Amino acid sequence: MKKLFKVALVAAGMLFAGNFAQAQSKIGYINFEGLVQQMPEFNTVKSQLEIYQKQFIDQLSTMNTELQNKGKEYQATQDKMTDAVRSTKQAELQDIQKRIQDLQTSAQQQVDNKASELYKPLTDKANVAINAVAKEKGFTYVLNTAQTQLLVSPPADDLMPAVKLKLGLK
C-alpha cells in the first residue's frame, strides 16, 4: 500500500512538473518594419505608392497656384471693385481653399488605403515567416521592437536573422 502511494505521488509530481514546463512562455522579438523594408518587393511597392501620391501632389499644386494667382489679382484690383464683385471674388477664393482642404483630406485617405493595399502582401509574407520561425524555435510570443522599446533583451531571442534566412534575405 505504501509503495502504491509513493508511485502515485511520484506520478502526480511528474504530471505537475510537465504542466509547469508547458506553462513557461518563451518570448522573442523582431523589428517588423525593418524586416519588411529589407524585402526586395519593398522598393517596388514604395515607388508605386510614390507615383500614386504624386498625382495628388500635382493636383494640389495646380490648385494652390490657381489660388495664389487669383489672390494676387484680387489684392491688386479690390479697391476698384464694387461690393458685389468683391464679395463674389472672396467667395470664389474661399471655395478654392475649401476644395484644396477637401482634396488634401481625400487624398490622404486614398493614399493610406493604397498603401495598405500595396503593403499587405509584404506584411502577410513577413507574418507567415515570423510565425513559422517562432513555431520552429518554440516562441510563444514575439514582440515588434519597432513599436516597443526593449530595455533589456538577450541577443538569442532576436528572430531577425532566422526570419531573414527563412525569407531568403541577406
Protein backbone atom coordinates (compact mmCIF):
# COMPACT_ATOMS: atom_id res chain seq x y z
CA MET A 1 0.00 0.00 0.00
CA LYS A 2 2.85 2.38 0.86
CA LYS A 3 4.57 1.57 -2.43
CA LEU A 4 1.39 2.28 -4.38
CA PHE A 5 1.02 5.61 -2.56
CA LYS A 6 4.65 6.55 -3.36
CA VAL A 7 4.21 5.63 -7.04
CA ALA A 8 1.00 7.69 -7.22
CA LEU A 9 2.75 10.61 -5.52
CA VAL A 10 5.70 10.46 -7.94
CA ALA A 11 3.34 10.22 -10.94
CA ALA A 12 1.35 13.22 -9.73
CA GLY A 13 4.59 15.15 -9.21
CA MET A 14 5.72 14.36 -12.75
CA LEU A 15 2.38 15.45 -14.17
CA PHE A 16 2.58 18.71 -12.25
CA ALA A 17 6.16 19.32 -13.41
CA GLY A 18 5.18 18.58 -17.03
CA ASN A 19 2.28 21.03 -16.90
CA PHE A 20 4.50 23.67 -15.27
CA ALA A 21 7.10 23.30 -18.02
CA GLN A 22 4.41 23.74 -20.68
CA ALA A 23 3.15 26.88 -18.99
CA GLN A 24 6.54 28.56 -19.40
CA SER A 25 6.45 31.23 -22.11
CA LYS A 26 9.30 31.90 -24.46
CA ILE A 27 9.40 35.47 -25.78
CA GLY A 28 11.24 36.63 -28.87
CA TYR A 29 11.44 39.93 -30.70
CA ILE A 30 11.89 41.31 -34.19
CA ASN A 31 11.81 44.72 -35.88
CA PHE A 32 8.84 44.07 -38.17
CA GLU A 33 9.13 47.29 -40.19
CA GLY A 34 12.86 46.74 -40.61
CA LEU A 35 12.19 43.24 -41.93
CA VAL A 36 9.58 44.47 -44.43
CA GLN A 37 11.93 47.22 -45.62
CA GLN A 38 14.63 44.63 -46.36
CA MET A 39 12.34 42.58 -48.59
CA PRO A 40 13.10 43.02 -52.32
CA GLU A 41 9.47 43.85 -53.15
CA PHE A 42 9.52 46.81 -50.75
CA ASN A 43 11.21 49.24 -53.17
CA THR A 44 8.78 48.37 -55.95
CA VAL A 45 5.78 48.94 -53.68
CA LYS A 46 7.31 52.14 -52.34
CA SER A 47 7.83 53.56 -55.85
CA GLN A 48 4.28 52.59 -56.89
CA LEU A 49 2.94 54.41 -53.85
CA GLU A 50 5.09 57.49 -54.58
CA ILE A 51 3.76 57.61 -58.17
CA TYR A 52 0.19 57.34 -56.88
CA GLN A 53 0.85 60.05 -54.29
CA LYS A 54 2.46 62.36 -56.87
CA GLN A 55 -0.83 62.56 -58.78
CA PHE A 56 -2.45 64.20 -55.78
CA ILE A 57 0.54 66.42 -55.10
CA ASP A 58 0.45 67.70 -58.69
CA GLN A 59 -3.29 68.36 -58.48
CA LEU A 60 -2.91 70.18 -55.16
CA SER A 61 -0.02 72.19 -56.54
CA THR A 62 -2.10 73.29 -59.52
CA MET A 63 -4.98 74.29 -57.27
CA ASN A 64 -2.62 76.16 -54.94
CA THR A 65 -1.13 78.08 -57.88
CA GLU A 66 -4.65 79.00 -59.02
CA LEU A 67 -5.46 80.23 -55.50
CA GLN A 68 -2.30 82.34 -55.34
CA ASN A 69 -2.87 83.88 -58.77
CA LYS A 70 -6.49 84.73 -58.04
CA GLY A 71 -5.48 86.05 -54.60
CA LYS A 72 -2.88 88.38 -56.15
CA GLU A 73 -5.39 89.51 -58.75
CA TYR A 74 -7.95 90.18 -56.03
CA GLN A 75 -5.41 92.13 -53.94
CA ALA A 76 -4.44 94.27 -56.92
CA THR A 77 -7.99 95.13 -58.03
CA GLN A 78 -10.10 95.04 -54.86
CA ASP A 79 -10.08 98.84 -54.46
CA LYS A 80 -11.69 99.28 -57.88
CA MET A 81 -14.34 96.55 -57.39
CA THR A 82 -17.92 97.08 -56.41
CA ASP A 83 -19.12 95.43 -53.22
CA ALA A 84 -20.99 92.74 -55.19
CA VAL A 85 -17.94 91.85 -57.30
CA ARG A 86 -15.68 91.91 -54.21
CA SER A 87 -17.92 89.51 -52.30
CA THR A 88 -18.16 87.24 -55.36
CA LYS A 89 -14.35 87.15 -55.66
CA GLN A 90 -13.98 86.46 -51.91
CA ALA A 91 -16.47 83.61 -52.16
CA GLU A 92 -14.55 82.24 -55.13
CA LEU A 93 -11.26 82.33 -53.16
CA GLN A 94 -12.93 80.64 -50.17
CA ASP A 95 -14.36 77.99 -52.47
CA ILE A 96 -10.90 77.23 -53.87
CA GLN A 97 -9.48 77.00 -50.33
CA LYS A 98 -12.25 74.60 -49.32
CA ARG A 99 -11.67 72.44 -52.40
CA ILE A 100 -7.95 72.30 -51.57
CA GLN A 101 -8.69 71.23 -47.99
CA ASP A 102 -11.21 68.64 -49.15
CA LEU A 103 -8.75 67.27 -51.69
CA GLN A 104 -6.00 67.07 -49.06
CA THR A 105 -8.24 65.06 -46.75
CA SER A 106 -9.50 62.81 -49.52
CA ALA A 107 -6.01 62.34 -50.97
CA GLN A 108 -4.56 61.35 -47.60
CA GLN A 109 -7.29 58.75 -47.11
CA GLN A 110 -6.82 57.38 -50.61
CA VAL A 111 -3.03 57.23 -50.23
CA ASP A 112 -3.39 55.46 -46.87
CA ASN A 113 -5.80 52.94 -48.41
CA LYS A 114 -3.49 52.37 -51.37
CA ALA A 115 -0.52 51.89 -49.01
CA SER A 116 -2.45 49.29 -47.04
CA GLU A 117 -3.41 47.53 -50.25
CA LEU A 118 0.13 47.54 -51.66
CA TYR A 119 1.95 46.60 -48.43
CA LYS A 120 -0.49 43.86 -47.40
CA PRO A 121 1.19 41.06 -49.42
CA LEU A 122 4.57 42.02 -47.93
CA THR A 123 3.32 42.12 -44.36
CA ASP A 124 1.42 38.85 -44.85
CA LYS A 125 4.57 37.18 -46.18
CA ALA A 126 6.61 38.52 -43.26
CA ASN A 127 3.98 37.38 -40.75
CA VAL A 128 3.96 33.86 -42.22
CA ALA A 129 7.75 33.66 -41.94
CA ILE A 130 7.76 35.04 -38.38
CA ASN A 131 5.08 32.57 -37.31
CA ALA A 132 6.99 29.68 -38.87
CA VAL A 133 10.26 30.63 -37.18
CA ALA A 134 8.52 31.22 -33.85
CA LYS A 135 6.92 27.79 -34.07
CA GLU A 136 10.20 26.11 -35.08
CA LYS A 137 12.11 27.73 -32.23
CA GLY A 138 9.35 27.34 -29.63
CA PHE A 139 8.48 31.01 -29.07
CA THR A 140 5.01 31.64 -27.69
CA TYR A 141 5.19 35.44 -28.02
CA VAL A 142 7.03 37.68 -30.48
CA LEU A 143 7.27 41.42 -29.83
CA ASN A 144 7.67 44.06 -32.52
CA THR A 145 10.65 46.20 -31.48
CA ALA A 146 9.60 48.95 -33.89
CA GLN A 147 6.62 49.63 -31.64
CA THR A 148 8.03 48.51 -28.29
CA GLN A 149 11.25 49.69 -26.76
CA LEU A 150 13.07 46.75 -25.22
CA LEU A 151 15.36 47.99 -22.49
CA VAL A 152 16.96 44.61 -21.85
CA SER A 153 16.90 41.71 -24.25
CA PRO A 154 19.18 38.75 -24.90
CA PRO A 155 20.51 38.51 -28.44
CA ALA A 156 19.40 34.87 -28.68
CA ASP A 157 15.73 35.92 -28.67
CA ASP A 158 16.10 38.19 -31.74
CA LEU A 159 14.27 36.39 -34.55
CA MET A 160 15.50 38.74 -37.31
CA PRO A 161 18.39 36.51 -38.53
CA ALA A 162 16.24 33.37 -38.60
CA VAL A 163 13.31 35.10 -40.34
CA LYS A 164 15.62 36.73 -42.89
CA LEU A 165 17.07 33.28 -43.61
CA LYS A 166 13.54 31.87 -43.95
CA LEU A 167 12.67 34.62 -46.48
CA GLY A 168 15.96 34.27 -48.33
CA LEU A 169 17.17 37.77 -47.44
CA LYS A 170 20.80 38.69 -46.81
